[in-house]
Amino acid sequence: QLQASGGGLVQAGDSLRLSCALSGRTVHTYGIGWFRQAPGKEREFVATISWNGNSQSYQESLKGRFTISRDNANNIVYLQMNSLKPEDTALYFCAAKLWGWAAISRGDYDFWGQGTLVTVSS
C-alpha cells in the first residue's frame, strides 16, 4: 500500500527526488515518514511530514539539504534530496502513521513500504 520509488545511482553533489505513493487509503489522513538504512547500520529517521502538511521534522544533520513535501491530491509524499554525499547511500523507506504529527521513531508508524535504494558515488 506504500510504494517508495525514485532511488538510483548518482554522483556526489547531485539531487534526487524520492516518491512515496499510498494506494488503497487516503493519504491526507496519514503522517508520512522517511527513514534510511545503510549497510550494517540501524534504520534511522530522515524526515516526517504531518497528515495536513503543517509540520515537518528532519534529522538535524540533514536540514537544509533534504525537504519533505506532500501532494494530497495525488496521494504522494516526496523527499527532495540535494547536494548528496556518499554517506547518504542507503535503502530509503517510507512509513505511514494515521493522523501522524512529528513522528520520528520507527515504532510510531502503522505500516511501511518497501525501500528504494540510493547510491551516491564519490
N, C-alpha and C. Protein backbone atom coordinates (compact mmCIF):
# COMPACT_ATOMS: atom_id res chain seq x y z
N GLN A 1 0.81 -1.21 0.00
CA GLN A 1 0.00 0.00 0.00
C GLN A 1 0.85 1.26 0.00
N LEU A 2 2.10 1.15 0.43
CA LEU A 2 3.04 2.24 0.31
C LEU A 2 4.11 1.83 -0.68
N GLN A 3 4.34 2.65 -1.65
CA GLN A 3 5.31 2.34 -2.69
C GLN A 3 6.32 3.46 -2.76
N ALA A 4 7.56 3.15 -2.38
CA ALA A 4 8.64 4.13 -2.48
C ALA A 4 9.35 3.94 -3.81
N SER A 5 9.73 5.03 -4.43
CA SER A 5 10.43 4.97 -5.71
C SER A 5 11.31 6.19 -5.87
N GLY A 6 12.13 6.17 -6.92
CA GLY A 6 12.96 7.32 -7.23
C GLY A 6 14.42 7.17 -6.90
N GLY A 7 14.79 6.07 -6.28
CA GLY A 7 16.19 5.86 -5.97
C GLY A 7 17.01 5.61 -7.21
N GLY A 8 18.32 5.61 -7.04
CA GLY A 8 19.21 5.37 -8.16
C GLY A 8 20.64 5.61 -7.80
N LEU A 9 21.49 5.54 -8.81
CA LEU A 9 22.92 5.78 -8.64
C LEU A 9 23.23 7.19 -9.14
N VAL A 10 23.77 8.01 -8.24
CA VAL A 10 24.12 9.39 -8.60
C VAL A 10 25.53 9.69 -8.10
N GLN A 11 26.03 10.83 -8.54
CA GLN A 11 27.33 11.28 -8.08
C GLN A 11 27.17 12.27 -6.94
N ALA A 12 28.20 12.39 -6.15
CA ALA A 12 28.19 13.35 -5.05
C ALA A 12 27.88 14.75 -5.61
N GLY A 13 27.00 15.45 -4.90
CA GLY A 13 26.58 16.77 -5.33
C GLY A 13 25.29 16.79 -6.14
N ASP A 14 24.89 15.63 -6.63
CA ASP A 14 23.66 15.55 -7.41
C ASP A 14 22.43 15.60 -6.50
N SER A 15 21.27 15.63 -7.14
CA SER A 15 19.99 15.63 -6.43
C SER A 15 19.15 14.45 -6.87
N LEU A 16 18.26 14.04 -5.98
CA LEU A 16 17.27 13.02 -6.28
C LEU A 16 15.97 13.40 -5.58
N ARG A 17 14.87 13.00 -6.17
CA ARG A 17 13.58 13.16 -5.50
C ARG A 17 12.94 11.79 -5.36
N LEU A 18 12.73 11.39 -4.13
CA LEU A 18 12.05 10.14 -3.85
C LEU A 18 10.55 10.40 -3.72
N SER A 19 9.78 9.39 -4.11
CA SER A 19 8.32 9.48 -4.01
C SER A 19 7.81 8.34 -3.15
N CYS A 20 6.77 8.62 -2.40
CA CYS A 20 6.09 7.61 -1.59
C CYS A 20 4.62 7.70 -1.93
N ALA A 21 4.11 6.70 -2.62
CA ALA A 21 2.73 6.69 -3.07
C ALA A 21 1.91 5.75 -2.19
N LEU A 22 0.77 6.25 -1.77
CA LEU A 22 -0.14 5.46 -0.93
C LEU A 22 -1.33 5.02 -1.77
N SER A 23 -1.60 3.74 -1.76
CA SER A 23 -2.75 3.25 -2.50
C SER A 23 -3.71 2.56 -1.55
N GLY A 24 -4.98 2.62 -1.90
CA GLY A 24 -5.98 1.95 -1.09
C GLY A 24 -6.44 2.72 0.12
N ARG A 25 -5.80 3.85 0.36
CA ARG A 25 -6.18 4.70 1.51
C ARG A 25 -6.06 6.14 1.07
N THR A 26 -6.52 7.04 1.91
CA THR A 26 -6.44 8.46 1.60
C THR A 26 -5.24 9.05 2.32
N VAL A 27 -4.29 9.53 1.54
CA VAL A 27 -3.02 9.93 2.14
C VAL A 27 -3.16 11.11 3.09
N HIS A 28 -4.18 11.94 2.90
CA HIS A 28 -4.22 13.14 3.72
C HIS A 28 -4.59 12.87 5.17
N THR A 29 -4.91 11.62 5.51
CA THR A 29 -5.14 11.28 6.91
C THR A 29 -3.90 10.68 7.57
N TYR A 30 -2.81 10.58 6.81
CA TYR A 30 -1.61 9.93 7.33
C TYR A 30 -0.42 10.88 7.38
N GLY A 31 0.25 10.87 8.50
CA GLY A 31 1.58 11.44 8.54
C GLY A 31 2.53 10.44 7.89
N ILE A 32 3.49 10.94 7.13
CA ILE A 32 4.42 10.09 6.40
C ILE A 32 5.84 10.39 6.85
N GLY A 33 6.59 9.34 7.10
CA GLY A 33 7.98 9.50 7.48
C GLY A 33 8.89 8.79 6.50
N TRP A 34 10.08 9.33 6.38
CA TRP A 34 11.15 8.69 5.61
C TRP A 34 12.24 8.26 6.59
N PHE A 35 12.71 7.05 6.38
CA PHE A 35 13.82 6.51 7.15
C PHE A 35 14.83 5.93 6.16
N ARG A 36 16.03 5.70 6.63
CA ARG A 36 17.02 5.08 5.76
C ARG A 36 17.87 4.10 6.55
N GLN A 37 18.39 3.14 5.83
CA GLN A 37 19.24 2.14 6.46
C GLN A 37 20.43 1.86 5.56
N ALA A 38 21.59 2.21 6.05
CA ALA A 38 22.83 1.94 5.34
C ALA A 38 23.31 0.54 5.70
N PRO A 39 24.12 -0.07 4.86
CA PRO A 39 24.61 -1.42 5.14
C PRO A 39 25.29 -1.51 6.49
N GLY A 40 24.87 -2.47 7.29
CA GLY A 40 25.49 -2.68 8.58
C GLY A 40 25.10 -1.70 9.66
N LYS A 41 24.12 -0.84 9.36
CA LYS A 41 23.71 0.17 10.34
C LYS A 41 22.23 0.05 10.67
N GLU A 42 21.85 0.71 11.75
CA GLU A 42 20.45 0.74 12.16
C GLU A 42 19.65 1.64 11.21
N ARG A 43 18.36 1.34 11.12
CA ARG A 43 17.49 2.22 10.35
C ARG A 43 17.34 3.53 11.12
N GLU A 44 17.49 4.65 10.43
CA GLU A 44 17.45 5.94 11.10
C GLU A 44 16.41 6.87 10.48
N PHE A 45 15.93 7.75 11.32
CA PHE A 45 14.95 8.74 10.90
C PHE A 45 15.59 9.74 9.96
N VAL A 46 14.83 10.10 8.91
CA VAL A 46 15.28 11.12 7.96
C VAL A 46 14.40 12.37 8.06
N ALA A 47 13.10 12.18 7.84
CA ALA A 47 12.18 13.32 7.83
C ALA A 47 10.76 12.81 7.98
N THR A 48 9.90 13.70 8.42
CA THR A 48 8.48 13.36 8.52
C THR A 48 7.64 14.60 8.25
N ILE A 49 6.45 14.36 7.73
CA ILE A 49 5.51 15.44 7.48
C ILE A 49 4.16 15.02 8.07
N SER A 50 3.49 15.97 8.70
CA SER A 50 2.23 15.67 9.35
C SER A 50 1.14 15.41 8.34
N TRP A 51 0.04 14.86 8.84
CA TRP A 51 -1.06 14.47 7.95
C TRP A 51 -1.60 15.65 7.15
N ASN A 52 -1.55 16.86 7.71
CA ASN A 52 -2.08 18.02 7.00
C ASN A 52 -0.97 18.87 6.37
N GLY A 53 0.27 18.42 6.49
CA GLY A 53 1.38 19.14 5.88
C GLY A 53 1.86 20.34 6.66
N ASN A 54 1.27 20.61 7.82
CA ASN A 54 1.63 21.81 8.56
C ASN A 54 2.89 21.67 9.41
N SER A 55 3.36 20.47 9.57
CA SER A 55 4.55 20.24 10.39
C SER A 55 5.50 19.31 9.65
N GLN A 56 6.76 19.74 9.59
CA GLN A 56 7.82 18.89 9.06
C GLN A 56 8.94 18.82 10.08
N SER A 57 9.52 17.66 10.19
CA SER A 57 10.67 17.49 11.08
C SER A 57 11.75 16.74 10.32
N TYR A 58 12.99 17.07 10.67
CA TYR A 58 14.13 16.47 9.96
C TYR A 58 15.18 15.99 10.95
N GLN A 59 15.93 15.00 10.50
CA GLN A 59 17.15 14.68 11.22
C GLN A 59 18.01 15.93 11.15
N GLU A 60 18.54 16.31 12.29
CA GLU A 60 19.25 17.60 12.40
C GLU A 60 20.33 17.75 11.35
N SER A 61 21.08 16.70 11.10
CA SER A 61 22.22 16.78 10.18
C SER A 61 21.80 16.90 8.72
N LEU A 62 20.51 16.69 8.42
CA LEU A 62 20.04 16.73 7.04
C LEU A 62 19.29 18.03 6.71
N LYS A 63 19.05 18.82 7.71
CA LYS A 63 18.35 20.09 7.48
C LYS A 63 19.12 20.94 6.47
N GLY A 64 18.37 21.52 5.56
CA GLY A 64 18.98 22.37 4.55
C GLY A 64 19.30 21.64 3.26
N ARG A 65 19.44 20.32 3.33
CA ARG A 65 19.70 19.54 2.12
C ARG A 65 18.47 18.73 1.69
N PHE A 66 17.70 18.26 2.65
CA PHE A 66 16.54 17.42 2.36
C PHE A 66 15.27 18.21 2.65
N THR A 67 14.26 18.01 1.81
CA THR A 67 12.97 18.65 2.00
C THR A 67 11.86 17.64 1.77
N ILE A 68 10.95 17.56 2.73
CA ILE A 68 9.80 16.67 2.60
C ILE A 68 8.58 17.51 2.25
N SER A 69 7.75 16.98 1.36
CA SER A 69 6.54 17.70 0.96
C SER A 69 5.48 16.67 0.59
N ARG A 70 4.25 17.15 0.43
CA ARG A 70 3.19 16.22 0.09
C ARG A 70 2.24 16.81 -0.93
N ASP A 71 1.70 15.94 -1.76
CA ASP A 71 0.70 16.28 -2.76
C ASP A 71 -0.50 15.39 -2.47
N ASN A 72 -1.39 15.88 -1.63
CA ASN A 72 -2.51 15.03 -1.21
C ASN A 72 -3.47 14.73 -2.37
N ALA A 73 -3.53 15.62 -3.34
CA ALA A 73 -4.43 15.38 -4.47
C ALA A 73 -4.03 14.12 -5.23
N ASN A 74 -2.73 13.82 -5.22
CA ASN A 74 -2.23 12.65 -5.94
C ASN A 74 -1.73 11.55 -5.02
N ASN A 75 -2.01 11.70 -3.72
CA ASN A 75 -1.65 10.64 -2.76
C ASN A 75 -0.16 10.34 -2.73
N ILE A 76 0.67 11.37 -2.82
CA ILE A 76 2.12 11.16 -2.87
C ILE A 76 2.82 12.09 -1.89
N VAL A 77 3.85 11.57 -1.27
CA VAL A 77 4.75 12.37 -0.45
C VAL A 77 6.14 12.29 -1.08
N TYR A 78 6.82 13.42 -1.11
CA TYR A 78 8.14 13.49 -1.76
C TYR A 78 9.24 13.75 -0.73
N LEU A 79 10.42 13.29 -1.08
CA LEU A 79 11.63 13.65 -0.34
C LEU A 79 12.64 14.16 -1.36
N GLN A 80 12.84 15.46 -1.37
CA GLN A 80 13.83 16.08 -2.24
C GLN A 80 15.17 16.07 -1.54
N MET A 81 16.15 15.48 -2.18
CA MET A 81 17.49 15.37 -1.59
C MET A 81 18.49 16.08 -2.48
N ASN A 82 19.12 17.10 -1.96
CA ASN A 82 20.09 17.90 -2.72
C ASN A 82 21.49 17.73 -2.15
N SER A 83 22.46 18.08 -2.95
CA SER A 83 23.87 18.02 -2.53
C SER A 83 24.20 16.69 -1.88
N LEU A 84 23.86 15.63 -2.57
CA LEU A 84 24.02 14.30 -1.99
C LEU A 84 25.48 13.96 -1.74
N LYS A 85 25.69 13.20 -0.68
CA LYS A 85 27.03 12.79 -0.26
C LYS A 85 27.10 11.27 -0.24
N PRO A 86 28.28 10.73 -0.34
CA PRO A 86 28.39 9.26 -0.28
C PRO A 86 27.77 8.67 0.99
N GLU A 87 27.82 9.40 2.07
CA GLU A 87 27.23 8.90 3.33
C GLU A 87 25.71 8.88 3.31
N ASP A 88 25.09 9.42 2.27
CA ASP A 88 23.64 9.33 2.11
C ASP A 88 23.24 8.00 1.46
N THR A 89 24.21 7.22 1.04
CA THR A 89 23.92 5.93 0.44
C THR A 89 23.20 5.03 1.43
N ALA A 90 22.04 4.55 1.03
CA ALA A 90 21.22 3.73 1.93
C ALA A 90 19.98 3.27 1.19
N LEU A 91 19.28 2.35 1.84
CA LEU A 91 17.94 1.97 1.40
C LEU A 91 16.97 2.90 2.12
N TYR A 92 16.16 3.60 1.37
CA TYR A 92 15.24 4.58 1.92
C TYR A 92 13.84 4.00 1.96
N PHE A 93 13.20 4.12 3.13
CA PHE A 93 11.87 3.59 3.35
C PHE A 93 10.91 4.73 3.69
N CYS A 94 9.65 4.58 3.28
CA CYS A 94 8.63 5.47 3.79
C CYS A 94 7.66 4.67 4.65
N ALA A 95 7.04 5.38 5.58
CA ALA A 95 6.14 4.74 6.53
C ALA A 95 4.98 5.69 6.81
N ALA A 96 3.85 5.12 7.24
CA ALA A 96 2.64 5.92 7.45
C ALA A 96 2.10 5.75 8.85
N LYS A 97 1.63 6.85 9.39
CA LYS A 97 1.00 6.84 10.71
C LYS A 97 -0.30 7.62 10.62
N LEU A 98 -1.40 6.96 11.00
CA LEU A 98 -2.70 7.62 10.95
C LEU A 98 -2.70 8.87 11.83
N TRP A 99 -3.08 9.99 11.23
CA TRP A 99 -3.09 11.29 11.91
C TRP A 99 -1.72 11.62 12.52
N GLY A 100 -0.69 11.16 11.83
CA GLY A 100 0.66 11.36 12.34
C GLY A 100 1.08 12.82 12.39
N TRP A 101 1.82 13.15 13.45
CA TRP A 101 2.31 14.53 13.67
C TRP A 101 3.68 14.44 14.33
N ALA A 102 4.72 14.88 13.63
CA ALA A 102 6.08 14.92 14.17
C ALA A 102 6.52 13.57 14.73
N ALA A 103 6.20 12.52 14.04
CA ALA A 103 6.56 11.17 14.49
C ALA A 103 7.96 10.84 13.98
N ILE A 104 8.93 10.71 14.89
CA ILE A 104 10.30 10.49 14.47
C ILE A 104 10.85 9.13 14.84
N SER A 105 10.05 8.32 15.52
CA SER A 105 10.52 6.99 15.92
C SER A 105 9.92 5.91 15.02
N ARG A 106 10.70 4.87 14.75
CA ARG A 106 10.21 3.78 13.91
C ARG A 106 8.93 3.18 14.47
N GLY A 107 8.88 3.05 15.79
CA GLY A 107 7.74 2.41 16.44
C GLY A 107 6.46 3.22 16.36
N ASP A 108 6.55 4.47 15.93
CA ASP A 108 5.36 5.32 15.84
C ASP A 108 4.47 4.95 14.66
N TYR A 109 5.04 4.26 13.68
CA TYR A 109 4.36 4.10 12.40
C TYR A 109 3.53 2.83 12.31
N ASP A 110 2.46 2.94 11.53
CA ASP A 110 1.49 1.85 11.42
C ASP A 110 1.88 0.83 10.36
N PHE A 111 2.41 1.29 9.26
CA PHE A 111 2.86 0.37 8.23
C PHE A 111 3.92 1.03 7.37
N TRP A 112 4.65 0.15 6.66
CA TRP A 112 5.84 0.55 5.91
C TRP A 112 5.75 0.10 4.47
N GLY A 113 6.44 0.85 3.61
CA GLY A 113 6.63 0.41 2.24
C GLY A 113 7.96 -0.31 2.10
N GLN A 114 8.19 -0.83 0.91
CA GLN A 114 9.50 -1.42 0.64
C GLN A 114 10.47 -0.28 0.39
N GLY A 115 11.74 -0.55 0.43
CA GLY A 115 12.71 0.52 0.27
C GLY A 115 13.06 0.79 -1.18
N THR A 116 13.65 1.96 -1.38
CA THR A 116 14.23 2.31 -2.66
C THR A 116 15.69 2.67 -2.42
N LEU A 117 16.57 2.11 -3.24
CA LEU A 117 18.00 2.23 -2.98
C LEU A 117 18.58 3.50 -3.58
N VAL A 118 19.29 4.22 -2.77
CA VAL A 118 20.03 5.41 -3.19
C VAL A 118 21.52 5.13 -3.01
N THR A 119 22.26 5.28 -4.10
CA THR A 119 23.70 5.08 -4.05
C THR A 119 24.38 6.34 -4.56
N VAL A 120 25.24 6.90 -3.74
CA VAL A 120 25.94 8.13 -4.10
C VAL A 120 27.42 7.82 -4.22
N SER A 121 27.94 8.01 -5.42
CA SER A 121 29.36 7.73 -5.64
C SER A 121 30.18 9.01 -5.44
N SER A 122 31.41 8.82 -5.02
CA SER A 122 32.27 9.99 -4.75
C SER A 122 33.02 10.41 -6.00
